[in-house]
Amino acid sequence: LLQPSEGYINVCGYDTRDEEHIWDIRQHVGMVFQNPDNQIVAAVVEEDVAFGPENLGIPSAEIRKRVDAALEAVNMTEYREHGPHLLSGGQKQRIAIAGVLAMKPDCIVLDEP
């Protein structure tokens, strides 16, 4: 990601230039990259959507609920047990979006999706 040459961005009271608060900022912001292949990390769709919440330390039962809701939101529930590599580009993009939605961020940054 590019660093600003001027100014700053404030996210939920945190200055993004302050590296001490990077983890705090990541708790509030989700990002969907332009190329979903740069974002998909698991061999199964539902595992990929669960990856972000797992890294946030969310309990397993809550992760299951979030994965279900996120896949429903992007109309990809029927693909939950598929390999992401078998999906079309648009379907991969929806899985990447579901992964961010499952983290329940306060805001989402979309990199030209």
N, C-alpha and C. Protein backbone atom coordinates (compact mmCIF):
# COMPACT_ATOMS: atom_id res chain seq x y z
N LEU A 1 0.84 -1.18 0.00
CA LEU A 1 0.00 0.00 0.00
C LEU A 1 0.88 1.24 0.00
N LEU A 2 0.38 2.29 -0.63
CA LEU A 2 1.14 3.53 -0.70
C LEU A 2 1.02 4.32 0.59
N GLN A 3 2.12 4.92 0.99
CA GLN A 3 2.13 5.80 2.15
C GLN A 3 1.85 7.22 1.67
N PRO A 4 1.07 7.99 2.40
CA PRO A 4 0.79 9.37 1.98
C PRO A 4 2.04 10.24 2.07
N SER A 5 2.19 11.16 1.12
CA SER A 5 3.32 12.09 1.16
C SER A 5 2.94 13.36 1.92
N GLU A 6 1.65 13.59 2.08
CA GLU A 6 1.15 14.75 2.83
C GLU A 6 -0.11 14.34 3.57
N GLY A 7 -0.42 15.10 4.61
CA GLY A 7 -1.66 14.89 5.34
C GLY A 7 -1.67 13.59 6.12
N TYR A 8 -2.83 13.24 6.61
CA TYR A 8 -2.97 12.00 7.36
C TYR A 8 -4.42 11.53 7.30
N ILE A 9 -4.60 10.31 7.68
CA ILE A 9 -5.94 9.74 7.76
C ILE A 9 -6.17 9.32 9.20
N ASN A 10 -7.33 9.66 9.72
CA ASN A 10 -7.71 9.31 11.07
C ASN A 10 -8.76 8.21 10.98
N VAL A 11 -8.50 7.07 11.61
CA VAL A 11 -9.43 5.95 11.61
C VAL A 11 -9.83 5.67 13.06
N CYS A 12 -11.08 5.96 13.36
CA CYS A 12 -11.61 5.71 14.71
C CYS A 12 -10.72 6.30 15.80
N GLY A 13 -10.20 7.49 15.53
CA GLY A 13 -9.37 8.19 16.50
C GLY A 13 -7.89 7.87 16.42
N TYR A 14 -7.49 6.99 15.52
CA TYR A 14 -6.08 6.62 15.38
C TYR A 14 -5.49 7.26 14.13
N ASP A 15 -4.33 7.88 14.28
CA ASP A 15 -3.59 8.46 13.16
C ASP A 15 -2.88 7.31 12.45
N THR A 16 -3.13 7.13 11.16
CA THR A 16 -2.56 6.00 10.43
C THR A 16 -1.04 6.10 10.28
N ARG A 17 -0.47 7.26 10.56
CA ARG A 17 1.00 7.39 10.50
C ARG A 17 1.66 6.81 11.74
N ASP A 18 0.92 6.57 12.79
CA ASP A 18 1.46 6.07 14.06
C ASP A 18 1.49 4.55 14.03
N GLU A 19 2.67 3.98 13.79
CA GLU A 19 2.79 2.53 13.65
C GLU A 19 2.43 1.78 14.93
N GLU A 20 2.43 2.47 16.05
CA GLU A 20 2.06 1.85 17.33
C GLU A 20 0.61 1.39 17.32
N HIS A 21 -0.20 1.99 16.46
CA HIS A 21 -1.63 1.69 16.44
C HIS A 21 -2.08 0.90 15.21
N ILE A 22 -1.13 0.31 14.49
CA ILE A 22 -1.48 -0.46 13.29
C ILE A 22 -2.49 -1.56 13.61
N TRP A 23 -2.26 -2.33 14.69
CA TRP A 23 -3.18 -3.41 15.05
C TRP A 23 -4.56 -2.86 15.38
N ASP A 24 -4.60 -1.74 16.11
CA ASP A 24 -5.88 -1.11 16.46
C ASP A 24 -6.65 -0.71 15.20
N ILE A 25 -5.94 -0.14 14.25
CA ILE A 25 -6.57 0.29 12.99
C ILE A 25 -7.10 -0.92 12.23
N ARG A 26 -6.32 -1.99 12.21
CA ARG A 26 -6.74 -3.20 11.49
C ARG A 26 -8.00 -3.83 12.09
N GLN A 27 -8.28 -3.52 13.33
CA GLN A 27 -9.50 -4.01 13.97
C GLN A 27 -10.74 -3.30 13.40
N HIS A 28 -10.54 -2.13 12.80
CA HIS A 28 -11.65 -1.30 12.34
C HIS A 28 -11.82 -1.25 10.82
N VAL A 29 -10.77 -1.61 10.08
CA VAL A 29 -10.78 -1.44 8.63
C VAL A 29 -10.55 -2.77 7.93
N GLY A 30 -11.37 -3.05 6.92
CA GLY A 30 -11.17 -4.21 6.07
C GLY A 30 -10.81 -3.74 4.67
N MET A 31 -10.06 -4.56 3.93
CA MET A 31 -9.66 -4.16 2.59
C MET A 31 -9.91 -5.29 1.61
N VAL A 32 -10.49 -4.93 0.47
CA VAL A 32 -10.70 -5.88 -0.63
C VAL A 32 -9.78 -5.44 -1.76
N PHE A 33 -8.85 -6.31 -2.14
CA PHE A 33 -7.90 -5.98 -3.19
C PHE A 33 -8.52 -6.16 -4.57
N GLN A 34 -7.96 -5.48 -5.56
CA GLN A 34 -8.48 -5.55 -6.92
C GLN A 34 -8.42 -6.98 -7.45
N ASN A 35 -7.33 -7.67 -7.20
CA ASN A 35 -7.18 -9.05 -7.66
C ASN A 35 -7.46 -9.99 -6.49
N PRO A 36 -8.57 -10.71 -6.50
CA PRO A 36 -8.91 -11.57 -5.36
C PRO A 36 -7.88 -12.67 -5.12
N ASP A 37 -7.12 -13.06 -6.14
CA ASP A 37 -6.11 -14.10 -5.95
C ASP A 37 -5.02 -13.64 -4.98
N ASN A 38 -4.87 -12.32 -4.80
CA ASN A 38 -3.90 -11.79 -3.84
C ASN A 38 -4.44 -11.83 -2.42
N GLN A 39 -5.69 -12.20 -2.26
CA GLN A 39 -6.35 -12.14 -0.97
C GLN A 39 -6.82 -13.51 -0.48
N ILE A 40 -7.11 -14.41 -1.39
CA ILE A 40 -7.62 -15.73 -1.02
C ILE A 40 -6.45 -16.60 -0.57
N VAL A 41 -6.58 -17.18 0.64
CA VAL A 41 -5.46 -17.91 1.23
C VAL A 41 -5.75 -19.38 1.53
N ALA A 42 -7.00 -19.79 1.50
CA ALA A 42 -7.35 -21.16 1.89
C ALA A 42 -7.75 -22.00 0.68
N ALA A 43 -7.75 -23.31 0.88
CA ALA A 43 -8.09 -24.24 -0.20
C ALA A 43 -9.59 -24.49 -0.32
N VAL A 44 -10.36 -24.03 0.68
CA VAL A 44 -11.81 -24.20 0.68
C VAL A 44 -12.44 -22.84 0.99
N VAL A 45 -13.51 -22.50 0.29
CA VAL A 45 -14.15 -21.19 0.41
C VAL A 45 -14.48 -20.83 1.86
N GLU A 46 -15.18 -21.70 2.59
CA GLU A 46 -15.58 -21.33 3.95
C GLU A 46 -14.38 -21.13 4.87
N GLU A 47 -13.30 -21.85 4.64
CA GLU A 47 -12.08 -21.66 5.43
C GLU A 47 -11.45 -20.31 5.12
N ASP A 48 -11.53 -19.92 3.86
CA ASP A 48 -10.98 -18.62 3.49
C ASP A 48 -11.77 -17.48 4.14
N VAL A 49 -13.08 -17.57 4.13
CA VAL A 49 -13.92 -16.54 4.74
C VAL A 49 -13.68 -16.49 6.25
N ALA A 50 -13.37 -17.62 6.86
CA ALA A 50 -13.12 -17.68 8.31
C ALA A 50 -11.74 -17.18 8.70
N PHE A 51 -10.83 -17.05 7.76
CA PHE A 51 -9.44 -16.71 8.05
C PHE A 51 -9.30 -15.40 8.83
N GLY A 52 -9.94 -14.34 8.37
CA GLY A 52 -9.84 -13.04 9.05
C GLY A 52 -10.36 -13.07 10.47
N PRO A 53 -11.60 -13.56 10.69
CA PRO A 53 -12.10 -13.64 12.06
C PRO A 53 -11.23 -14.51 12.98
N GLU A 54 -10.66 -15.58 12.43
CA GLU A 54 -9.76 -16.42 13.24
C GLU A 54 -8.56 -15.61 13.70
N ASN A 55 -8.01 -14.80 12.80
CA ASN A 55 -6.85 -13.97 13.15
C ASN A 55 -7.20 -12.89 14.17
N LEU A 56 -8.46 -12.52 14.23
CA LEU A 56 -8.91 -11.53 15.22
C LEU A 56 -9.19 -12.18 16.58
N GLY A 57 -9.12 -13.51 16.64
CA GLY A 57 -9.35 -14.20 17.90
C GLY A 57 -10.82 -14.39 18.24
N ILE A 58 -11.68 -14.35 17.24
CA ILE A 58 -13.12 -14.53 17.44
C ILE A 58 -13.38 -16.00 17.82
N PRO A 59 -14.26 -16.27 18.77
CA PRO A 59 -14.59 -17.66 19.13
C PRO A 59 -15.19 -18.43 17.94
N SER A 60 -14.94 -19.73 17.90
CA SER A 60 -15.36 -20.58 16.78
C SER A 60 -16.84 -20.50 16.46
N ALA A 61 -17.69 -20.52 17.47
CA ALA A 61 -19.14 -20.47 17.22
C ALA A 61 -19.54 -19.17 16.54
N GLU A 62 -18.91 -18.08 16.94
CA GLU A 62 -19.19 -16.78 16.33
C GLU A 62 -18.64 -16.73 14.90
N ILE A 63 -17.48 -17.34 14.69
CA ILE A 63 -16.92 -17.39 13.33
C ILE A 63 -17.88 -18.11 12.39
N ARG A 64 -18.44 -19.22 12.82
CA ARG A 64 -19.39 -19.97 11.99
C ARG A 64 -20.57 -19.09 11.59
N LYS A 65 -21.12 -18.34 12.55
CA LYS A 65 -22.24 -17.43 12.26
C LYS A 65 -21.82 -16.36 11.27
N ARG A 66 -20.64 -15.81 11.46
CA ARG A 66 -20.17 -14.75 10.57
C ARG A 66 -19.91 -15.26 9.16
N VAL A 67 -19.34 -16.45 9.06
CA VAL A 67 -19.10 -17.05 7.74
C VAL A 67 -20.42 -17.29 7.03
N ASP A 68 -21.39 -17.86 7.73
CA ASP A 68 -22.71 -18.10 7.14
C ASP A 68 -23.33 -16.80 6.64
N ALA A 69 -23.31 -15.78 7.47
CA ALA A 69 -23.92 -14.49 7.11
C ALA A 69 -23.19 -13.83 5.95
N ALA A 70 -21.86 -13.89 5.96
CA ALA A 70 -21.07 -13.25 4.89
C ALA A 70 -21.29 -13.95 3.56
N LEU A 71 -21.31 -15.28 3.56
CA LEU A 71 -21.56 -16.01 2.31
C LEU A 71 -22.96 -15.75 1.79
N GLU A 72 -23.92 -15.65 2.69
CA GLU A 72 -25.29 -15.32 2.30
C GLU A 72 -25.35 -13.92 1.69
N ALA A 73 -24.63 -12.97 2.29
CA ALA A 73 -24.65 -11.58 1.82
C ALA A 73 -24.14 -11.44 0.39
N VAL A 74 -23.19 -12.31 0.00
CA VAL A 74 -22.64 -12.22 -1.36
C VAL A 74 -23.18 -13.33 -2.27
N ASN A 75 -24.23 -14.00 -1.80
CA ASN A 75 -24.91 -15.04 -2.59
C ASN A 75 -23.95 -16.16 -3.02
N MET A 76 -23.11 -16.63 -2.07
CA MET A 76 -22.14 -17.68 -2.39
C MET A 76 -22.23 -18.88 -1.44
N THR A 77 -23.34 -19.00 -0.71
CA THR A 77 -23.49 -20.09 0.25
C THR A 77 -23.31 -21.47 -0.39
N GLU A 78 -23.83 -21.65 -1.58
CA GLU A 78 -23.76 -22.97 -2.22
C GLU A 78 -22.33 -23.36 -2.60
N TYR A 79 -21.39 -22.41 -2.56
CA TYR A 79 -20.00 -22.69 -2.92
C TYR A 79 -19.10 -22.85 -1.70
N ARG A 80 -19.67 -22.90 -0.51
CA ARG A 80 -18.89 -22.88 0.73
C ARG A 80 -17.84 -23.99 0.80
N GLU A 81 -18.10 -25.15 0.21
CA GLU A 81 -17.16 -26.27 0.29
C GLU A 81 -16.33 -26.44 -0.99
N HIS A 82 -16.43 -25.48 -1.89
CA HIS A 82 -15.66 -25.53 -3.14
C HIS A 82 -14.25 -24.97 -2.93
N GLY A 83 -13.37 -25.34 -3.82
CA GLY A 83 -12.04 -24.75 -3.85
C GLY A 83 -12.11 -23.41 -4.57
N PRO A 84 -11.55 -22.35 -4.01
CA PRO A 84 -11.59 -21.04 -4.66
C PRO A 84 -10.99 -21.06 -6.07
N HIS A 85 -10.00 -21.92 -6.28
CA HIS A 85 -9.35 -21.98 -7.60
C HIS A 85 -10.31 -22.46 -8.69
N LEU A 86 -11.44 -23.05 -8.31
CA LEU A 86 -12.43 -23.53 -9.28
C LEU A 86 -13.48 -22.48 -9.63
N LEU A 87 -13.42 -21.34 -8.97
CA LEU A 87 -14.44 -20.30 -9.16
C LEU A 87 -14.05 -19.32 -10.25
N SER A 88 -15.04 -18.63 -10.79
CA SER A 88 -14.78 -17.58 -11.78
C SER A 88 -14.17 -16.37 -11.07
N GLY A 89 -13.68 -15.43 -11.85
CA GLY A 89 -13.11 -14.21 -11.28
C GLY A 89 -14.10 -13.44 -10.43
N GLY A 90 -15.33 -13.32 -10.91
CA GLY A 90 -16.36 -12.61 -10.16
C GLY A 90 -16.73 -13.32 -8.87
N GLN A 91 -16.77 -14.65 -8.92
CA GLN A 91 -17.06 -15.42 -7.71
C GLN A 91 -15.93 -15.27 -6.69
N LYS A 92 -14.69 -15.28 -7.17
CA LYS A 92 -13.55 -15.07 -6.27
C LYS A 92 -13.64 -13.69 -5.62
N GLN A 93 -14.04 -12.70 -6.39
CA GLN A 93 -14.17 -11.35 -5.83
C GLN A 93 -15.22 -11.34 -4.72
N ARG A 94 -16.31 -12.04 -4.93
CA ARG A 94 -17.36 -12.11 -3.89
C ARG A 94 -16.86 -12.84 -2.65
N ILE A 95 -16.02 -13.85 -2.82
CA ILE A 95 -15.45 -14.55 -1.67
C ILE A 95 -14.51 -13.61 -0.91
N ALA A 96 -13.73 -12.83 -1.63
CA ALA A 96 -12.85 -11.85 -0.98
C ALA A 96 -13.67 -10.84 -0.18
N ILE A 97 -14.77 -10.38 -0.75
CA ILE A 97 -15.66 -9.45 -0.04
C ILE A 97 -16.26 -10.12 1.19
N ALA A 98 -16.68 -11.38 1.05
CA ALA A 98 -17.25 -12.11 2.18
C ALA A 98 -16.24 -12.24 3.32
N GLY A 99 -14.98 -12.47 2.97
CA GLY A 99 -13.95 -12.58 3.99
C GLY A 99 -13.81 -11.31 4.81
N VAL A 100 -13.94 -10.18 4.14
CA VAL A 100 -13.87 -8.89 4.85
C VAL A 100 -15.15 -8.66 5.65
N LEU A 101 -16.30 -8.96 5.07
CA LEU A 101 -17.57 -8.79 5.80
C LEU A 101 -17.59 -9.62 7.08
N ALA A 102 -17.01 -10.81 7.04
CA ALA A 102 -17.00 -11.69 8.22
C ALA A 102 -16.20 -11.09 9.37
N MET A 103 -15.31 -10.17 9.07
CA MET A 103 -14.53 -9.51 10.12
C MET A 103 -15.31 -8.38 10.78
N LYS A 104 -16.42 -7.98 10.17
CA LYS A 104 -17.28 -6.90 10.67
C LYS A 104 -16.50 -5.60 10.94
N PRO A 105 -15.78 -5.11 9.93
CA PRO A 105 -15.04 -3.86 10.12
C PRO A 105 -15.99 -2.66 10.14
N ASP A 106 -15.51 -1.56 10.71
CA ASP A 106 -16.28 -0.32 10.71
C ASP A 106 -16.31 0.30 9.32
N CYS A 107 -15.25 0.07 8.54
CA CYS A 107 -15.24 0.56 7.16
C CYS A 107 -14.47 -0.42 6.29
N ILE A 108 -14.76 -0.39 5.00
CA ILE A 108 -14.11 -1.28 4.04
C ILE A 108 -13.50 -0.43 2.94
N VAL A 109 -12.22 -0.69 2.65
CA VAL A 109 -11.52 -0.03 1.56
C VAL A 109 -11.57 -0.98 0.37
N LEU A 110 -12.07 -0.50 -0.76
CA LEU A 110 -12.18 -1.31 -1.97
C LEU A 110 -11.15 -0.82 -2.98
N ASP A 111 -10.20 -1.68 -3.35
CA ASP A 111 -9.16 -1.33 -4.31
C ASP A 111 -9.66 -1.64 -5.71
N GLU A 112 -10.46 -0.76 -6.27
CA GLU A 112 -10.97 -0.87 -7.63
C GLU A 112 -11.58 -2.22 -7.98
N PRO A 113 -12.39 -2.83 -7.09
CA PRO A 113 -12.95 -4.14 -7.45
C PRO A 113 -14.05 -4.04 -8.48
